[in-house]
Every structure is written in structure tokens, then in C-alpha cells.
Amino acid sequence: MEDTNITYTQAYQQLQELVEKMENSQIQVDELSENIKKAGELIAICKNKLKTVETDVEALIKDIEQQNIE
């Protein structure tokens, strides 16, 4: 369940916080599964936002190249 209103920066920061808690053993075993699921969702959000930016940049580059050809 992705939150499309979250920014890349927010998702990345939340992911960093989860990873830090896991590395510092601040997450109880009972919470581990839930946190891993949340980390997966945050990674998916980041990947989707990066893919969108990549697609936008590729389209922009293509437009610029077309303008240079004409």
C-alpha cells in the first residue's frame, strides 16, 4: 500500500530511520516483520519516483535533441 502523497525525500528519510533502528537493535523482534514490510513499501515508493524522474528526463532530452535536429 503506497502513499502517493509522500515525497521521495520523506520516504528516503523514513527508510534511513528504519535501517538505523534495525542496525542499532532498537526494533523488537515482534515489530521486525512490520518494519521490514514498511521498508519494502518505502523502497517501492523511492524506485517509482526515481523511475518517473528518469522517464521525464529522457523525454526532455529527446525533445532537446529533436529541436537541435530541426
PDB file of N, CA and C in Angstrom:
ATOM      1  N   MET A   1       0.838  -1.172   0.000  1.00  0.00           N
ATOM      2  CA  MET A   1       0.000   0.000   0.000  1.00  0.00           C
ATOM      3  C   MET A   1       0.886   1.239   0.000  1.00  0.00           C
ATOM      4  N   GLU A   2       1.068   1.837  -1.157  1.00  0.00           N
ATOM      5  CA  GLU A   2       1.941   3.001  -1.283  1.00  0.00           C
ATOM      6  C   GLU A   2       1.183   4.284  -1.019  1.00  0.00           C
ATOM      7  N   ASP A   3       1.841   5.223  -0.381  1.00  0.00           N
ATOM      8  CA  ASP A   3       1.288   6.546  -0.153  1.00  0.00           C
ATOM      9  C   ASP A   3       1.838   7.455  -1.247  1.00  0.00           C
ATOM     10  N   THR A   4       1.003   7.775  -2.222  1.00  0.00           N
ATOM     11  CA  THR A   4       1.483   8.571  -3.354  1.00  0.00           C
ATOM     12  C   THR A   4       1.691  10.033  -2.981  1.00  0.00           C
ATOM     13  N   ASN A   5       1.239  10.446  -1.788  1.00  0.00           N
ATOM     14  CA  ASN A   5       1.418  11.829  -1.371  1.00  0.00           C
ATOM     15  C   ASN A   5       2.771  12.063  -0.701  1.00  0.00           C
ATOM     16  N   ILE A   6       3.475  11.018  -0.413  1.00  0.00           N
ATOM     17  CA  ILE A   6       4.781  11.137   0.247  1.00  0.00           C
ATOM     18  C   ILE A   6       5.836  11.495  -0.797  1.00  0.00           C
ATOM     19  N   THR A   7       6.733  12.367  -0.423  1.00  0.00           N
ATOM     20  CA  THR A   7       7.803  12.741  -1.352  1.00  0.00           C
ATOM     21  C   THR A   7       8.929  11.711  -1.292  1.00  0.00           C
ATOM     22  N   TYR A   8       9.776  11.764  -2.301  1.00  0.00           N
ATOM     23  CA  TYR A   8      10.941  10.884  -2.315  1.00  0.00           C
ATOM     24  C   TYR A   8      11.782  11.120  -1.067  1.00  0.00           C
ATOM     25  N   THR A   9      12.004  12.391  -0.742  1.00  0.00           N
ATOM     26  CA  THR A   9      12.842  12.735   0.412  1.00  0.00           C
ATOM     27  C   THR A   9      12.247  12.192   1.704  1.00  0.00           C
ATOM     28  N   GLN A  10      10.945  12.318   1.867  1.00  0.00           N
ATOM     29  CA  GLN A  10      10.297  11.798   3.067  1.00  0.00           C
ATOM     30  C   GLN A  10      10.427  10.281   3.149  1.00  0.00           C
ATOM     31  N   ALA A  11      10.178   9.600   2.036  1.00  0.00           N
ATOM     32  CA  ALA A  11      10.281   8.141   2.011  1.00  0.00           C
ATOM     33  C   ALA A  11      11.705   7.699   2.315  1.00  0.00           C
ATOM     34  N   TYR A  12      12.679   8.383   1.716  1.00  0.00           N
ATOM     35  CA  TYR A  12      14.081   8.033   1.928  1.00  0.00           C
ATOM     36  C   TYR A  12      14.486   8.257   3.384  1.00  0.00           C
ATOM     37  N   GLN A  13      14.022   9.357   3.971  1.00  0.00           N
ATOM     38  CA  GLN A  13      14.347   9.632   5.374  1.00  0.00           C
ATOM     39  C   GLN A  13      13.736   8.588   6.301  1.00  0.00           C
ATOM     40  N   GLN A  14      12.491   8.217   6.028  1.00  0.00           N
ATOM     41  CA  GLN A  14      11.850   7.178   6.838  1.00  0.00           C
ATOM     42  C   GLN A  14      12.590   5.854   6.711  1.00  0.00           C
ATOM     43  N   LEU A  15      13.015   5.550   5.497  1.00  0.00           N
ATOM     44  CA  LEU A  15      13.767   4.316   5.264  1.00  0.00           C
ATOM     45  C   LEU A  15      15.090   4.346   6.023  1.00  0.00           C
ATOM     46  N   GLN A  16      15.779   5.473   5.990  1.00  0.00           N
ATOM     47  CA  GLN A  16      17.033   5.605   6.726  1.00  0.00           C
ATOM     48  C   GLN A  16      16.816   5.407   8.220  1.00  0.00           C
ATOM     49  N   GLU A  17      15.730   5.963   8.753  1.00  0.00           N
ATOM     50  CA  GLU A  17      15.429   5.815  10.175  1.00  0.00           C
ATOM     51  C   GLU A  17      15.170   4.354  10.536  1.00  0.00           C
ATOM     52  N   LEU A  18      14.419   3.656   9.677  1.00  0.00           N
ATOM     53  CA  LEU A  18      14.157   2.234   9.929  1.00  0.00           C
ATOM     54  C   LEU A  18      15.446   1.422   9.910  1.00  0.00           C
ATOM     55  N   VAL A  19      16.275   1.678   8.923  1.00  0.00           N
ATOM     56  CA  VAL A  19      17.539   0.952   8.810  1.00  0.00           C
ATOM     57  C   VAL A  19      18.415   1.215  10.038  1.00  0.00           C
ATOM     58  N   GLU A  20      18.469   2.476  10.459  1.00  0.00           N
ATOM     59  CA  GLU A  20      19.272   2.826  11.633  1.00  0.00           C
ATOM     60  C   GLU A  20      18.765   2.092  12.879  1.00  0.00           C
ATOM     61  N   LYS A  21      17.450   2.051  13.041  1.00  0.00           N
ATOM     62  CA  LYS A  21      16.881   1.335  14.186  1.00  0.00           C
ATOM     63  C   LYS A  21      17.217  -0.149  14.133  1.00  0.00           C
ATOM     64  N   MET A  22      17.153  -0.726  12.937  1.00  0.00           N
ATOM     65  CA  MET A  22      17.473  -2.144  12.780  1.00  0.00           C
ATOM     66  C   MET A  22      18.949  -2.397  13.087  1.00  0.00           C
ATOM     67  N   GLU A  23      19.810  -1.516  12.589  1.00  0.00           N
ATOM     68  CA  GLU A  23      21.244  -1.683  12.817  1.00  0.00           C
ATOM     69  C   GLU A  23      21.599  -1.536  14.289  1.00  0.00           C
ATOM     70  N   ASN A  24      20.866  -0.685  14.996  1.00  0.00           N
ATOM     71  CA  ASN A  24      21.144  -0.447  16.408  1.00  0.00           C
ATOM     72  C   ASN A  24      20.316  -1.337  17.334  1.00  0.00           C
ATOM     73  N   SER A  25      19.655  -2.330  16.755  1.00  0.00           N
ATOM     74  CA  SER A  25      18.825  -3.269  17.514  1.00  0.00           C
ATOM     75  C   SER A  25      17.780  -2.558  18.364  1.00  0.00           C
ATOM     76  N   GLN A  26      17.222  -1.470  17.845  1.00  0.00           N
ATOM     77  CA  GLN A  26      16.195  -0.726  18.559  1.00  0.00           C
ATOM     78  C   GLN A  26      14.791  -1.221  18.228  1.00  0.00           C
ATOM     79  N   ILE A  27      14.684  -2.194  17.353  1.00  0.00           N
ATOM     80  CA  ILE A  27      13.382  -2.723  16.971  1.00  0.00           C
ATOM     81  C   ILE A  27      13.232  -4.100  17.613  1.00  0.00           C
ATOM     82  N   GLN A  28      12.121  -4.284  18.295  1.00  0.00           N
ATOM     83  CA  GLN A  28      11.828  -5.558  18.939  1.00  0.00           C
ATOM     84  C   GLN A  28      11.540  -6.606  17.870  1.00  0.00           C
ATOM     85  N   VAL A  29      11.793  -7.849  18.189  1.00  0.00           N
ATOM     86  CA  VAL A  29      11.570  -8.948  17.252  1.00  0.00           C
ATOM     87  C   VAL A  29      10.114  -8.949  16.776  1.00  0.00           C
ATOM     88  N   ASP A  30       9.186  -8.639  17.678  1.00  0.00           N
ATOM     89  CA  ASP A  30       7.772  -8.627  17.331  1.00  0.00           C
ATOM     90  C   ASP A  30       7.447  -7.558  16.287  1.00  0.00           C
ATOM     91  N   GLU A  31       8.224  -6.505  16.219  1.00  0.00           N
ATOM     92  CA  GLU A  31       7.990  -5.408  15.283  1.00  0.00           C
ATOM     93  C   GLU A  31       8.787  -5.562  13.993  1.00  0.00           C
ATOM     94  N   LEU A  32       9.697  -6.510  13.960  1.00  0.00           N
ATOM     95  CA  LEU A  32      10.621  -6.642  12.835  1.00  0.00           C
ATOM     96  C   LEU A  32       9.893  -6.881  11.520  1.00  0.00           C
ATOM     97  N   SER A  33       8.942  -7.807  11.501  1.00  0.00           N
ATOM     98  CA  SER A  33       8.224  -8.123  10.266  1.00  0.00           C
ATOM     99  C   SER A  33       7.489  -6.900   9.735  1.00  0.00           C
ATOM    100  N   GLU A  34       6.821  -6.181  10.620  1.00  0.00           N
ATOM    101  CA  GLU A  34       6.090  -4.972  10.222  1.00  0.00           C
ATOM    102  C   GLU A  34       7.032  -3.916   9.659  1.00  0.00           C
ATOM    103  N   ASN A  35       8.188  -3.774  10.287  1.00  0.00           N
ATOM    104  CA  ASN A  35       9.154  -2.777   9.835  1.00  0.00           C
ATOM    105  C   ASN A  35       9.801  -3.163   8.515  1.00  0.00           C
ATOM    106  N   ILE A  36      10.012  -4.431   8.312  1.00  0.00           N
ATOM    107  CA  ILE A  36      10.566  -4.885   7.029  1.00  0.00           C
ATOM    108  C   ILE A  36       9.551  -4.631   5.917  1.00  0.00           C
ATOM    109  N   LYS A  37       8.269  -4.884   6.211  1.00  0.00           N
ATOM    110  CA  LYS A  37       7.215  -4.610   5.231  1.00  0.00           C
ATOM    111  C   LYS A  37       7.181  -3.118   4.909  1.00  0.00           C
ATOM    112  N   LYS A  38       7.253  -2.269   5.925  1.00  0.00           N
ATOM    113  CA  LYS A  38       7.250  -0.824   5.724  1.00  0.00           C
ATOM    114  C   LYS A  38       8.467  -0.396   4.901  1.00  0.00           C
ATOM    115  N   ALA A  39       9.629  -0.991   5.187  1.00  0.00           N
ATOM    116  CA  ALA A  39      10.839  -0.674   4.426  1.00  0.00           C
ATOM    117  C   ALA A  39      10.648  -1.032   2.954  1.00  0.00           C
ATOM    118  N   GLY A  40      10.024  -2.169   2.688  1.00  0.00           N
ATOM    119  CA  GLY A  40       9.750  -2.568   1.307  1.00  0.00           C
ATOM    120  C   GLY A  40       8.847  -1.574   0.596  1.00  0.00           C
ATOM    121  N   GLU A  41       7.833  -1.087   1.306  1.00  0.00           N
ATOM    122  CA  GLU A  41       6.932  -0.095   0.727  1.00  0.00           C
ATOM    123  C   GLU A  41       7.674   1.209   0.430  1.00  0.00           C
ATOM    124  N   LEU A  42       8.536   1.627   1.346  1.00  0.00           N
ATOM    125  CA  LEU A  42       9.303   2.859   1.147  1.00  0.00           C
ATOM    126  C   LEU A  42      10.267   2.723  -0.025  1.00  0.00           C
ATOM    127  N   ILE A  43      10.886   1.562  -0.152  1.00  0.00           N
ATOM    128  CA  ILE A  43      11.786   1.315  -1.285  1.00  0.00           C
ATOM    129  C   ILE A  43      11.008   1.384  -2.596  1.00  0.00           C
ATOM    130  N   ALA A  44       9.808   0.806  -2.612  1.00  0.00           N
ATOM    131  CA  ALA A  44       8.977   0.844  -3.817  1.00  0.00           C
ATOM    132  C   ALA A  44       8.609   2.284  -4.176  1.00  0.00           C
ATOM    133  N   ILE A  45       8.280   3.088  -3.182  1.00  0.00           N
ATOM    134  CA  ILE A  45       7.951   4.494  -3.428  1.00  0.00           C
ATOM    135  C   ILE A  45       9.154   5.206  -4.043  1.00  0.00           C
ATOM    136  N   CYS A  46      10.322   5.008  -3.454  1.00  0.00           N
ATOM    137  CA  CYS A  46      11.537   5.657  -3.969  1.00  0.00           C
ATOM    138  C   CYS A  46      11.825   5.219  -5.400  1.00  0.00           C
ATOM    139  N   LYS A  47      11.736   3.918  -5.662  1.00  0.00           N
ATOM    140  CA  LYS A  47      12.005   3.407  -7.004  1.00  0.00           C
ATOM    141  C   LYS A  47      11.029   3.992  -8.024  1.00  0.00           C
ATOM    142  N   ASN A  48       9.749   4.050  -7.658  1.00  0.00           N
ATOM    143  CA  ASN A  48       8.750   4.586  -8.585  1.00  0.00           C
ATOM    144  C   ASN A  48       8.980   6.059  -8.872  1.00  0.00           C
ATOM    145  N   LYS A  49       9.315   6.810  -7.849  1.00  0.00           N
ATOM    146  CA  LYS A  49       9.564   8.238  -8.051  1.00  0.00           C
ATOM    147  C   LYS A  49      10.819   8.453  -8.901  1.00  0.00           C
ATOM    148  N   LEU A  50      11.861   7.657  -8.671  1.00  0.00           N
ATOM    149  CA  LEU A  50      13.076   7.757  -9.486  1.00  0.00           C
ATOM    150  C   LEU A  50      12.800   7.370 -10.933  1.00  0.00           C
ATOM    151  N   LYS A  51      11.974   6.350 -11.141  1.00  0.00           N
ATOM    152  CA  LYS A  51      11.624   5.921 -12.493  1.00  0.00           C
ATOM    153  C   LYS A  51      10.862   7.029 -13.221  1.00  0.00           C
ATOM    154  N   THR A  52       9.959   7.699 -12.501  1.00  0.00           N
ATOM    155  CA  THR A  52       9.204   8.804 -13.087  1.00  0.00           C
ATOM    156  C   THR A  52      10.141   9.928 -13.508  1.00  0.00           C
ATOM    157  N   VAL A  53      11.087  10.261 -12.647  1.00  0.00           N
ATOM    158  CA  VAL A  53      12.054  11.320 -12.967  1.00  0.00           C
ATOM    159  C   VAL A  53      12.902  10.908 -14.166  1.00  0.00           C
ATOM    160  N   GLU A  54      13.333   9.654 -14.179  1.00  0.00           N
ATOM    161  CA  GLU A  54      14.140   9.157 -15.299  1.00  0.00           C
ATOM    162  C   GLU A  54      13.372   9.281 -16.612  1.00  0.00           C
ATOM    163  N   THR A  55      12.111   8.888 -16.598  1.00  0.00           N
ATOM    164  CA  THR A  55      11.277   8.975 -17.799  1.00  0.00           C
ATOM    165  C   THR A  55      11.117  10.425 -18.243  1.00  0.00           C
ATOM    166  N   ASP A  56      10.883  11.317 -17.283  1.00  0.00           N
ATOM    167  CA  ASP A  56      10.740  12.740 -17.604  1.00  0.00           C
ATOM    168  C   ASP A  56      12.022  13.313 -18.201  1.00  0.00           C
ATOM    169  N   VAL A  57      13.164  12.961 -17.640  1.00  0.00           N
ATOM    170  CA  VAL A  57      14.447  13.461 -18.134  1.00  0.00           C
ATOM    171  C   VAL A  57      14.721  12.918 -19.537  1.00  0.00           C
ATOM    172  N   GLU A  58      14.432  11.637 -19.753  1.00  0.00           N
ATOM    173  CA  GLU A  58      14.640  11.057 -21.076  1.00  0.00           C
ATOM    174  C   GLU A  58      13.772  11.762 -22.121  1.00  0.00           C
ATOM    175  N   ALA A  59      12.514  12.074 -21.766  1.00  0.00           N
ATOM    176  CA  ALA A  59      11.621  12.774 -22.689  1.00  0.00           C
ATOM    177  C   ALA A  59      12.132  14.182 -22.966  1.00  0.00           C
ATOM    178  N   LEU A  60      12.634  14.836 -21.950  1.00  0.00           N
ATOM    179  CA  LEU A  60      13.181  16.178 -22.114  1.00  0.00           C
ATOM    180  C   LEU A  60      14.409  16.169 -23.021  1.00  0.00           C
ATOM    181  N   ILE A  61      15.279  15.208 -22.813  1.00  0.00           N
ATOM    182  CA  ILE A  61      16.479  15.082 -23.647  1.00  0.00           C
ATOM    183  C   ILE A  61      16.081  14.816 -25.100  1.00  0.00           C
ATOM    184  N   LYS A  62      15.095  13.949 -25.284  1.00  0.00           N
ATOM    185  CA  LYS A  62      14.632  13.640 -26.634  1.00  0.00           C
ATOM    186  C   LYS A  62      14.074  14.893 -27.305  1.00  0.00           C
ATOM    187  N   ASP A  63      13.299  15.686 -26.565  1.00  0.00           N
ATOM    188  CA  ASP A  63      12.758  16.938 -27.107  1.00  0.00           C
ATOM    189  C   ASP A  63      13.875  17.902 -27.494  1.00  0.00           C
ATOM    190  N   ILE A  64      14.881  18.021 -26.641  1.00  0.00           N
ATOM    191  CA  ILE A  64      16.004  18.923 -26.920  1.00  0.00           C
ATOM    192  C   ILE A  64      16.754  18.457 -28.166  1.00  0.00           C
ATOM    193  N   GLU A  65      16.977  17.151 -28.265  1.00  0.00           N
ATOM    194  CA  GLU A  65      17.677  16.616 -29.442  1.00  0.00           C
ATOM    195  C   GLU A  65      16.864  16.856 -30.706  1.00  0.00           C
ATOM    196  N   GLN A  66      15.540  16.706 -30.641  1.00  0.00           N
ATOM    197  CA  GLN A  66      14.675  16.953 -31.796  1.00  0.00           C
ATOM    198  C   GLN A  66      14.758  18.421 -32.207  1.00  0.00           C
ATOM    199  N   GLN A  67      14.796  19.308 -31.248  1.00  0.00           N
ATOM    200  CA  GLN A  67      14.886  20.741 -31.552  1.00  0.00           C
ATOM    201  C   GLN A  67      16.215  21.063 -32.221  1.00  0.00           C
ATOM    202  N   ASN A  68      17.269  20.400 -31.829  1.00  0.00           N
ATOM    203  CA  ASN A  68      18.591  20.637 -32.401  1.00  0.00           C
ATOM    204  C   ASN A  68      18.685  20.100 -33.830  1.00  0.00           C
ATOM    205  N   ILE A  69      17.922  19.065 -34.124  1.00  0.00           N
ATOM    206  CA  ILE A  69      17.916  18.468 -35.463  1.00  0.00           C
ATOM    207  C   ILE A  69      17.176  19.380 -36.442  1.00  0.00           C
ATOM    208  N   GLU A  70      16.108  19.969 -35.978  1.00  0.00           N
ATOM    209  CA  GLU A  70      15.287  20.826 -36.852  1.00  0.00           C
ATOM    210  C   GLU A  70      15.980  22.095 -37.072  1.00  0.00           C
TER     211      GLU A  70
END
